[in-house]
Protein backbone atom coordinates (compact mmCIF):
# COMPACT_ATOMS: atom_id res chain seq x y z
CA MET A 1 -84.76 29.73 -26.71
CA GLN A 2 -87.42 30.45 -23.80
CA HIS A 3 -87.80 27.65 -20.95
CA LEU A 4 -90.88 28.52 -19.10
CA TYR A 5 -91.64 27.19 -16.05
CA VAL A 6 -95.84 27.24 -14.63
CA HIS A 7 -96.22 27.40 -10.64
CA VAL A 8 -99.70 25.63 -10.12
CA PRO A 9 -99.83 25.69 -6.15
CA PHE A 10 -103.22 24.11 -5.06
CA CYS A 11 -103.39 20.79 -3.37
CA VAL A 12 -105.88 18.71 -1.47
CA ARG A 13 -103.60 18.30 1.34
CA ARG A 14 -100.20 18.79 2.43
CA CYS A 15 -97.58 15.90 2.25
CA SER A 16 -96.39 14.92 5.72
CA TYR A 17 -92.66 16.04 4.75
CA CYS A 18 -93.87 19.03 2.24
CA ASP A 19 -92.85 22.81 3.18
CA PHE A 20 -93.29 23.90 -0.53
CA SER A 21 -95.36 27.11 -1.45
CA ILE A 22 -98.83 25.52 -1.52
CA ALA A 23 -102.66 26.69 -1.22
CA VAL A 24 -104.41 23.95 0.12
CA ARG A 25 -107.96 23.94 -1.37
CA LYS A 26 -111.13 22.19 -1.35
CA ARG A 27 -112.29 24.05 -4.46
CA ILE A 28 -109.58 25.02 -7.01
CA PRO A 29 -110.27 29.06 -8.04
CA VAL A 30 -109.14 27.72 -11.84
CA ARG A 31 -110.52 30.91 -13.37
CA GLU A 32 -108.73 33.52 -10.84
CA PHE A 33 -105.33 31.29 -11.55
CA VAL A 34 -105.41 31.48 -15.31
CA ASP A 35 -106.33 35.12 -15.60
CA ALA A 36 -103.59 35.61 -13.08
CA VAL A 37 -100.99 33.34 -14.78
CA LEU A 38 -101.65 35.16 -18.05
CA ALA A 39 -101.81 38.51 -17.27
CA GLU A 40 -98.43 38.07 -15.49
CA TRP A 41 -96.90 36.75 -18.85
CA ARG A 42 -98.36 39.69 -20.88
CA SER A 43 -96.80 41.93 -18.04
CA ALA A 44 -94.21 44.74 -18.88
CA ASP A 45 -92.52 43.79 -15.89
CA SER A 46 -91.54 40.11 -16.90
CA GLY A 47 -91.68 40.93 -20.07
CA PRO A 48 -91.69 37.45 -21.78
CA ALA A 49 -94.26 37.29 -23.98
CA ALA A 50 -92.80 40.50 -25.78
CA SER A 51 -89.11 38.97 -25.93
CA GLY A 52 -90.10 36.84 -29.27
CA ASP A 53 -87.79 33.77 -28.39
CA PRO A 54 -89.05 30.32 -29.25
CA ILE A 55 -90.39 28.60 -26.27
CA GLU A 56 -88.17 25.39 -25.75
CA SER A 57 -89.71 23.84 -22.83
CA ILE A 58 -92.44 24.42 -20.61
CA TYR A 59 -93.18 23.04 -17.27
CA PHE A 60 -96.02 22.60 -14.92
CA GLY A 61 -95.06 22.27 -11.42
CA GLY A 62 -96.70 22.42 -8.26
CA GLY A 63 -98.16 21.94 -6.13
CA THR A 64 -100.62 19.73 -7.85
CA PRO A 65 -101.00 21.44 -11.67
CA SER A 66 -103.15 17.81 -12.42
CA LEU A 67 -105.99 19.21 -10.62
CA LEU A 68 -106.10 22.40 -12.95
CA PRO A 69 -109.13 21.32 -15.39
CA PRO A 70 -107.75 20.06 -18.95
CA ASP A 71 -109.02 22.74 -21.00
CA ALA A 72 -107.46 25.22 -18.24
CA ILE A 73 -104.36 23.69 -18.93
CA ALA A 74 -104.87 23.80 -22.72
CA GLY A 75 -105.94 27.52 -22.64
CA ILE A 76 -102.72 28.62 -21.16
CA LEU A 77 -100.75 26.70 -23.72
CA GLU A 78 -102.73 27.98 -26.53
CA HIS A 79 -102.53 31.61 -25.16
CA ILE A 80 -98.60 31.57 -24.35
CA LEU A 81 -97.47 29.58 -27.78
CA GLY A 82 -100.54 31.46 -29.58
CA SER A 83 -98.07 34.73 -28.44
CA ALA A 84 -94.62 33.23 -28.89
CA ASP A 85 -92.53 31.96 -31.72
CA PRO A 86 -93.67 28.57 -32.18
CA GLY A 87 -89.85 27.05 -32.59
CA PRO A 88 -87.40 25.72 -34.85
CA VAL A 89 -89.02 22.57 -35.04
CA ALA A 90 -92.28 24.05 -35.62
CA ARG A 91 -90.91 26.13 -38.57
CA GLY A 92 -89.29 23.22 -39.78
CA GLU A 93 -86.06 24.24 -38.99
CA ARG A 94 -83.22 21.68 -37.53
CA THR A 95 -82.47 22.27 -34.13
CA GLY A 96 -79.02 20.97 -33.78
CA LEU A 97 -80.27 19.02 -30.86
CA THR A 98 -78.66 15.76 -29.94
CA SER A 99 -79.01 12.76 -27.71
CA ALA A 100 -76.16 14.16 -26.31
CA ASP A 101 -78.11 16.93 -24.26
CA PRO A 102 -76.72 16.48 -20.92
CA GLY A 103 -79.45 18.38 -18.15
CA PRO A 104 -79.35 17.29 -14.44
CA VAL A 105 -82.08 17.21 -12.51
CA ALA A 106 -80.95 17.80 -8.62
CA ARG A 107 -82.75 18.41 -4.98
CA GLY A 108 -81.98 18.46 -1.26
CA LYS A 109 -81.33 21.75 0.82
CA PRO A 110 -79.31 24.68 0.86
CA THR A 111 -75.66 24.24 1.81
CA GLY A 112 -74.08 27.72 2.21
CA LEU A 113 -74.35 28.17 -1.52
CA THR A 114 -76.14 31.49 -1.02
CA SER A 115 -77.85 31.72 -4.55
CA ALA A 116 -76.64 27.93 -5.73
CA ASP A 117 -80.18 27.19 -6.14
CA PRO A 118 -81.04 27.09 -9.92
CA GLY A 119 -84.73 27.99 -10.46
CA PRO A 120 -88.44 27.66 -9.18
CA VAL A 121 -86.90 25.97 -5.65
CA ALA A 122 -89.53 27.96 -3.51
CA ARG A 123 -92.37 26.54 -5.29
CA GLY A 124 -93.30 22.95 -5.05
CA LYS A 125 -91.82 19.36 -5.73
CA ARG A 126 -89.38 17.36 -3.31
CA THR A 127 -86.13 17.29 -4.77
CA GLY A 128 -82.85 16.11 -3.15
CA LEU A 129 -79.89 14.44 -1.35
CA THR A 130 -80.44 16.14 2.07
CA SER A 131 -77.14 16.54 3.50
CA ALA A 132 -75.72 15.27 0.50
CA ASP A 133 -77.05 18.26 -2.02
CA PRO A 134 -78.17 21.54 -1.93
CA GLY A 135 -80.49 23.14 -4.50
CA LEU A 136 -83.52 21.97 -5.88
CA LEU A 137 -85.35 21.16 -9.23
CA ALA A 138 -87.14 22.64 -12.01
CA ARG A 139 -88.55 20.36 -15.13
CA GLY A 140 -90.42 20.00 -18.30
CA LYS A 141 -90.72 19.69 -22.80
CA ARG A 142 -92.88 19.63 -25.43
CA THR A 143 -93.58 17.01 -27.73
CA ARG A 144 -96.75 16.57 -29.64
CA LEU A 145 -96.52 12.95 -31.15
CA THR A 146 -98.85 13.17 -34.06
CA SER A 147 -97.83 9.51 -35.24
CA ALA A 148 -100.07 6.86 -34.20
CA ASP A 149 -96.78 4.81 -32.95
CA ALA A 150 -95.60 5.65 -29.63
CA GLY A 151 -92.78 4.59 -29.75
CA PRO A 152 -90.94 1.57 -27.70
CA VAL A 153 -91.39 3.37 -24.65
CA GLY A 154 -94.86 3.65 -24.83
CA ARG A 155 -95.34 0.45 -26.35
CA GLY A 156 -94.28 -0.98 -22.94
CA GLU A 157 -91.52 -2.31 -24.89
CA ARG A 158 -87.69 -2.60 -22.57
CA THR A 159 -85.60 0.07 -24.35
CA PRO A 160 -81.85 -0.29 -22.99
CA VAL A 161 -79.50 2.45 -23.99
CA GLY A 162 -78.96 2.54 -27.58
CA SER A 163 -82.42 1.61 -28.69
CA ALA A 164 -83.45 2.43 -32.02
CA ASP A 165 -85.94 5.10 -30.79
CA PRO A 166 -83.61 8.22 -30.36
CA GLY A 167 -86.05 10.01 -27.85
CA PRO A 168 -87.75 13.28 -27.90
CA VAL A 169 -84.43 15.19 -27.27
CA ALA A 170 -82.90 13.42 -30.29
CA ARG A 171 -85.86 14.24 -32.17
CA GLY A 172 -85.65 17.95 -31.34
CA GLU A 173 -89.36 18.20 -30.25
CA ARG A 174 -90.40 20.93 -27.96
CA GLU A 175 -91.03 19.70 -24.33
CA ILE A 176 -94.26 20.35 -22.34
CA THR A 177 -93.91 18.48 -18.91
CA LEU A 178 -97.20 18.17 -16.43
CA GLU A 179 -96.72 16.89 -13.06
CA ALA A 180 -99.61 14.56 -12.42
CA ASN A 181 -100.81 12.94 -9.01
CA PRO A 182 -101.62 9.28 -10.21
CA GLU A 183 -105.09 9.44 -8.88
CA ASP A 184 -105.89 12.60 -11.07
CA VAL A 185 -104.89 10.47 -14.34
CA THR A 186 -108.10 8.92 -16.05
CA PRO A 187 -108.34 7.85 -19.73
CA ASP A 188 -110.14 11.00 -20.27
CA HIS A 189 -107.44 13.45 -18.82
CA ALA A 190 -104.82 11.78 -20.22
CA ARG A 191 -106.61 12.10 -23.63
CA ALA A 192 -107.09 15.65 -22.80
CA TRP A 193 -103.94 16.33 -21.96
CA HIS A 194 -102.16 14.81 -24.88
CA ALA A 195 -104.40 16.98 -27.42
CA ALA A 196 -103.36 20.21 -25.50
CA GLY A 197 -99.81 19.23 -26.14
CA ILE A 198 -98.67 17.48 -22.81
CA ASN A 199 -96.38 15.36 -24.17
CA ARG A 200 -94.27 14.29 -20.74
CA VAL A 201 -95.86 13.63 -17.45
CA SER A 202 -94.14 13.20 -14.29
CA LEU A 203 -96.03 11.25 -12.07
CA GLY A 204 -95.13 11.43 -8.29
CA ALA A 205 -95.37 7.93 -7.17
CA GLN A 206 -93.22 8.43 -4.09
CA SER A 207 -93.78 4.80 -3.39
CA PHE A 208 -95.42 1.24 -4.11
CA ASP A 209 -96.22 0.59 -0.39
CA ASP A 210 -99.50 1.38 0.28
CA ALA A 211 -98.63 1.87 4.24
CA VAL A 212 -96.06 4.22 3.34
CA LEU A 213 -98.11 6.14 1.00
CA LYS A 214 -100.61 6.47 3.88
CA TRP A 215 -97.79 7.71 6.29
CA MET A 216 -96.54 10.40 3.82
CA HIS A 217 -100.21 11.91 3.38
CA ARG A 218 -100.53 10.91 -0.23
CA SER A 219 -104.12 10.46 -1.75
CA HIS A 220 -102.84 7.75 -4.41
CA ASP A 221 -102.55 4.07 -3.72
CA ALA A 222 -99.77 1.74 -5.63
CA ALA A 223 -102.86 0.25 -7.34
CA GLN A 224 -103.48 3.97 -8.89
CA THR A 225 -100.20 4.54 -10.19
CA LYS A 226 -100.10 1.47 -12.21
CA ARG A 227 -103.22 2.60 -13.81
CA ALA A 228 -102.23 6.08 -14.36
CA VAL A 229 -99.17 4.67 -16.43
CA GLN A 230 -101.25 2.64 -18.36
CA ALA A 231 -103.53 5.08 -18.93
CA LEU A 232 -101.04 7.91 -20.39
CA ARG A 233 -99.51 5.32 -22.64
CA ASP A 234 -103.19 4.65 -23.74
CA ALA A 235 -103.27 8.07 -24.77
CA GLY A 236 -100.36 8.69 -26.33
CA ILE A 237 -98.01 9.82 -24.22
CA GLU A 238 -94.76 7.88 -24.33
CA ASN A 239 -92.07 10.48 -22.06
CA ILE A 240 -93.34 9.26 -18.54
CA SER A 241 -91.22 9.88 -15.16
CA LEU A 242 -91.73 8.08 -11.92
CA ASP A 243 -90.73 10.12 -8.78
CA LEU A 244 -89.85 7.76 -5.71
CA ILE A 245 -88.87 8.79 -2.10
CA PHE A 246 -85.82 7.04 -0.03
CA GLY A 247 -84.36 7.21 3.31
CA LEU A 248 -87.53 6.86 4.91
CA PRO A 249 -87.27 6.11 9.09
CA GLU A 250 -86.61 2.64 9.66
CA GLU A 251 -89.74 1.78 11.64
CA LEU A 252 -91.97 2.31 8.14
CA GLN A 253 -90.29 -1.17 7.45
CA ARG A 254 -90.05 -0.32 3.81
CA ASN A 255 -88.87 -2.41 1.13
CA TRP A 256 -86.88 -0.19 -0.88
CA GLU A 257 -85.51 -3.16 -3.69
CA ARG A 258 -89.47 -4.00 -3.92
CA ASP A 259 -90.04 -0.24 -4.79
CA LEU A 260 -87.76 -0.10 -7.55
CA ASP A 261 -88.51 -3.54 -8.85
CA ILE A 262 -91.88 -1.99 -9.23
CA LEU A 263 -90.51 1.01 -10.76
CA CYS A 264 -88.57 -1.34 -13.61
CA SER A 265 -91.56 -3.23 -14.57
CA LEU A 266 -93.60 -0.72 -15.47
CA LEU A 267 -90.61 0.84 -17.42
CA PRO A 268 -90.94 4.66 -17.63
CA ALA A 269 -88.66 6.60 -19.82
CA HIS A 270 -87.23 8.79 -16.65
CA CYS A 271 -87.36 8.63 -13.07
CA SER A 272 -86.49 10.45 -10.03
CA LEU A 273 -85.13 9.67 -6.82
CA TYR A 274 -85.91 11.96 -4.17
CA GLY A 275 -83.45 11.55 -0.13
CA LEU A 276 -86.37 12.67 2.44
CA THR A 277 -85.18 15.67 4.27
CA VAL A 278 -86.79 16.99 7.24
CA GLU A 279 -88.04 20.51 6.82
CA PRO A 280 -89.11 23.03 9.55
CA ARG A 281 -92.69 23.19 10.55
CA THR A 282 -93.77 20.50 8.36
CA PRO A 283 -95.75 17.22 9.87
CA LEU A 284 -92.49 15.43 9.99
CA ASP A 285 -90.47 17.78 11.67
CA ARG A 286 -93.61 17.74 14.65
CA TRP A 287 -93.97 13.88 14.57
CA ILE A 288 -90.03 14.11 14.86
CA SER A 289 -89.96 16.46 17.38
CA ARG A 290 -92.52 14.69 20.17
CA GLY A 291 -90.65 11.17 19.61
CA ALA A 292 -93.49 9.60 17.04
CA THR A 293 -90.95 8.83 14.69
CA HIS A 294 -87.34 9.16 14.17
CA ALA A 295 -85.16 11.24 11.49
CA PRO A 296 -83.85 9.45 8.35
CA ASN A 297 -80.71 7.17 8.87
CA GLU A 298 -77.49 8.68 7.13
CA GLU A 299 -76.31 5.20 6.61
CA ARG A 300 -79.60 3.76 5.40
CA TYR A 301 -79.98 7.12 2.79
CA ALA A 302 -76.51 6.19 1.48
CA ASP A 303 -77.43 2.27 0.97
CA GLU A 304 -80.49 2.89 -0.68
CA TYR A 305 -79.29 5.89 -3.35
CA LEU A 306 -76.16 3.22 -4.22
CA MET A 307 -78.57 0.42 -4.25
CA ALA A 308 -80.85 2.82 -6.79
CA HIS A 309 -77.67 3.21 -9.08
CA ARG A 310 -77.13 -0.20 -9.41
CA ARG A 311 -80.71 -1.74 -9.69
CA LEU A 312 -81.38 1.23 -12.57
CA ALA A 313 -78.10 1.20 -14.47
CA ALA A 314 -78.59 -2.82 -14.94
CA GLU A 315 -82.19 -1.57 -16.15
CA GLY A 316 -80.34 0.64 -18.98
CA PHE A 317 -80.96 4.34 -17.25
CA GLU A 318 -78.25 6.33 -17.15
CA PHE A 319 -77.89 8.37 -14.02
CA TYR A 320 -77.41 12.34 -15.65
CA GLU A 321 -77.50 14.49 -13.17
CA VAL A 322 -77.42 13.39 -8.97
CA SER A 323 -81.40 12.43 -8.56
CA ASN A 324 -82.52 11.57 -12.26
CA ALA A 325 -81.90 9.14 -14.27
CA ALA A 326 -83.35 8.51 -17.90
CA ARG A 327 -83.31 6.14 -20.65
CA ALA A 328 -81.00 7.40 -23.65
CA GLY A 329 -83.03 10.06 -25.43
CA TYR A 330 -85.04 10.91 -22.22
CA ARG A 331 -83.11 13.61 -20.13
CA SER A 332 -85.79 16.16 -18.95
CA ARG A 333 -84.70 19.19 -21.08
CA HIS A 334 -86.27 21.99 -19.37
CA ASN A 335 -84.64 20.69 -16.30
CA SER A 336 -81.18 20.45 -18.13
CA ALA A 337 -81.64 24.23 -18.69
CA TYR A 338 -81.75 24.84 -15.26
CA TRP A 339 -78.54 22.58 -14.24
CA SER A 340 -76.61 24.63 -17.25
CA GLY A 341 -77.40 27.99 -16.07
CA LYS A 342 -79.47 28.98 -19.13
CA SER A 343 -82.24 31.86 -18.66
CA TYR A 344 -85.57 30.81 -17.87
CA VAL A 345 -88.99 32.48 -17.03
CA GLY A 346 -91.32 31.31 -14.23
CA LEU A 347 -94.81 32.49 -13.84
CA GLY A 348 -97.29 32.13 -10.60
CA PRO A 349 -96.58 32.46 -6.83
CA ALA A 350 -93.45 31.48 -5.55
CA ALA A 351 -91.88 30.49 -9.24
CA HIS A 352 -88.06 32.01 -10.02
CA SER A 353 -86.98 33.43 -13.26
CA PHE A 354 -83.11 33.83 -14.08
CA ASP A 355 -81.91 35.94 -17.33
CA GLY A 356 -77.98 34.82 -16.71
CA LYS A 357 -77.15 37.28 -14.18
CA THR A 358 -80.30 38.52 -12.02
CA ARG A 359 -82.53 35.60 -10.33
CA ARG A 360 -86.38 36.88 -9.35
CA TRP A 361 -89.03 35.34 -7.56
CA ASN A 362 -92.76 35.82 -6.87
CA LEU A 363 -94.88 36.74 -4.02
CA ARG A 364 -94.86 33.00 -2.36
CA ALA A 365 -98.49 33.42 -0.72
CA TRP A 366 -101.22 32.55 -3.67
CA GLU A 367 -103.39 35.43 -2.37
CA ALA A 368 -100.95 38.01 -2.21
CA TYR A 369 -99.60 37.06 -5.79
CA ARG A 370 -103.16 37.30 -7.05
CA ARG A 371 -104.22 40.48 -5.71
CA ALA A 372 -100.59 41.71 -6.70
CA ILE A 373 -101.92 40.93 -10.63
CA ALA A 374 -105.13 41.88 -9.77
CA GLU A 375 -103.99 45.32 -9.27
CA GLY A 376 -102.00 45.87 -11.62
CA ARG A 377 -98.74 45.40 -9.38
CA SER A 378 -95.92 43.47 -9.87
CA ALA A 379 -95.97 39.83 -8.48
CA VAL A 380 -91.88 39.93 -7.95
CA GLU A 381 -91.42 39.69 -4.43
CA SER A 382 -87.24 40.27 -4.36
CA GLU A 383 -84.14 39.78 -6.76
CA GLU A 384 -80.58 39.31 -6.62
CA THR A 385 -77.49 40.23 -9.41
CA LEU A 386 -75.20 37.38 -9.18
CA THR A 387 -71.26 38.43 -8.70
CA ASP A 388 -69.05 37.16 -10.45
CA GLU A 389 -67.73 34.72 -7.96
CA GLN A 390 -71.83 33.78 -7.24
CA ARG A 391 -71.88 32.81 -10.92
CA GLU A 392 -68.56 31.12 -10.51
CA LEU A 393 -69.63 29.08 -7.46
CA GLU A 394 -72.86 28.33 -9.11
CA ARG A 395 -71.40 27.08 -12.07
CA VAL A 396 -69.24 24.79 -10.20
CA TYR A 397 -71.85 23.60 -8.34
CA LEU A 398 -74.25 22.85 -10.88
CA ALA A 399 -71.70 21.38 -13.42
CA LEU A 400 -70.57 18.83 -10.51
CA ARG A 401 -74.10 17.60 -9.73
CA THR A 402 -74.43 16.37 -13.75
CA GLU A 403 -73.00 13.41 -15.52
CA GLU A 404 -70.77 15.87 -17.57
CA GLY A 405 -68.72 17.23 -14.88
CA LEU A 406 -66.78 20.28 -14.50
CA ALA A 407 -63.86 21.12 -17.10
CA ILE A 408 -60.54 21.13 -15.59
CA THR A 409 -59.48 24.90 -16.44
CA ALA A 410 -56.48 26.62 -14.68
CA PRO A 411 -58.15 27.12 -11.35
CA TYR A 412 -58.77 23.62 -11.22
CA ARG A 413 -55.66 21.73 -12.02
CA ARG A 414 -54.70 21.60 -8.18
CA LEU A 415 -57.32 19.30 -7.33
CA PRO A 416 -57.75 18.86 -3.81
CA PRO A 417 -57.50 14.80 -2.22
CA LEU A 418 -61.18 13.99 -3.55
CA THR A 419 -60.02 11.42 -5.73
CA ALA A 420 -58.50 9.39 -3.63
CA GLN A 421 -61.56 9.17 -1.73
CA GLY A 422 -63.32 7.93 -4.05
CA TRP A 423 -65.64 10.77 -4.24
CA VAL A 424 -64.35 12.15 -7.91
CA GLU A 425 -62.67 11.10 -10.71
CA VAL A 426 -61.00 12.88 -13.78
CA ARG A 427 -62.21 11.43 -17.36
CA ASP A 428 -61.90 13.18 -20.66
CA GLY A 429 -60.27 16.24 -19.41
CA ARG A 430 -63.73 16.35 -16.55
CA LEU A 431 -63.64 16.37 -13.16
CA LYS A 432 -66.61 14.38 -12.20
CA CYS A 433 -68.90 13.12 -9.04
CA THR A 434 -69.33 9.32 -8.44
CA PRO A 435 -72.38 8.40 -7.18
CA GLU A 436 -70.28 8.28 -3.60
CA GLY A 437 -69.27 12.09 -4.71
CA TRP A 438 -72.85 13.09 -5.18
CA LEU A 439 -74.00 11.75 -1.84
CA ARG A 440 -71.35 14.37 -0.37
CA LEU A 441 -71.68 17.01 -2.97
CA ASP A 442 -71.60 19.66 -0.87
CA SER A 443 -68.47 18.66 1.16
CA VAL A 444 -67.00 18.61 -2.73
CA VAL A 445 -68.24 21.99 -4.00
CA ASN A 446 -66.93 23.50 -0.81
CA GLU A 447 -63.61 21.93 -0.96
CA LEU A 448 -62.90 22.82 -4.69
CA ALA A 449 -64.29 26.30 -3.04
CA MET A 450 -61.41 26.60 -0.48
CA ASN A 451 -58.75 25.05 -2.67
CA THR A 452 -59.55 27.48 -5.67
CA GLY A 453 -60.19 30.75 -3.35
CA ILE A 454 -63.72 30.85 -4.77
CA GLN A 455 -65.66 32.81 -2.23
CA GLN A 456 -68.72 31.07 -0.40
């Protein structure tokens, strides 16, 4: 099975906290981008089209993928899916996928785990628990819904864990995700996305406080997010994920509890919570340097993260990864592939690919990427082949950021005193982080590594 990530780098402006690989443009070079991505897909270097493997998930991340016209997204999907095996669902085969499909999501900043980043890290979606968690994120799932019934989530009904609707994971549907800004979601766009095959949309809400959104340099307001959710449901897209950022500077007086209440009232199938990080050379970094604002407070950061766990659990969500929670059957299958160590292919500037042993990443800047493809050169900037020790360290780190945890095999039977601190617990023969442990994921992994002799 292939998991495909497409990085769309274009944005109309840079958010105050963003250090991702983006290209700020008033005019989006749609034709050039589509031609470049499809040329890379067909290229002999990456060769994903030639592999013939069926595609299980596609994720359009950014940047702002929703800036692409719907017909451009449809064209990319038509070309890619037309040149690949349509997959077991399309062939009418049973897939064996159940709602037990785990799949975690993650984020934050690197923690000395040199190759621990699981995927399209360089490309652009905020994902992380600052000092608590390294690594970054990924995405997607294709599930074209032909039935007129959008399901209980799509109908706006409450769907606690255990609902009769098993969700797209249990139904074995291909997952195709589009990241979207709320201001780009119109009824016409939503219908066109659905017709093209998009069956999961990740909305960058970030907050429901208009003053906070302005501080973040976001272009939408809270009302637009609410309208976007309704437009997507009306178009038949039931699998909606909402992003929120927590741990903001105290002077903003952001009411985190209110934001969680509004998120829950919108009844998303999935949500991702990102802790604010201060990255070099961002507007936020400059504001802090000149005293215009303050760095996030660690105690506030932890309190808001733990509050979210309690609030979302009460609403029927399950945290299946350090920064991601979902209703039953709605875990992100694409992101889960990253966290379970599966191979994936990345297209576009700064996109990462992984074949199980070697990780490759493309040229970061859009113009450099475009020129390389136009001149018939490889867009790959560099690669690294992981040693056995690096692969084991990455396996441990990725396992602990998920709710499935780490199987306690021989090297890990002599555990450091993490359980007494309340950071981890042992259940069903597996070592699992508690919410408090997820806040300290770097420390947990480092202690395990030192205790077992894994080279860092």
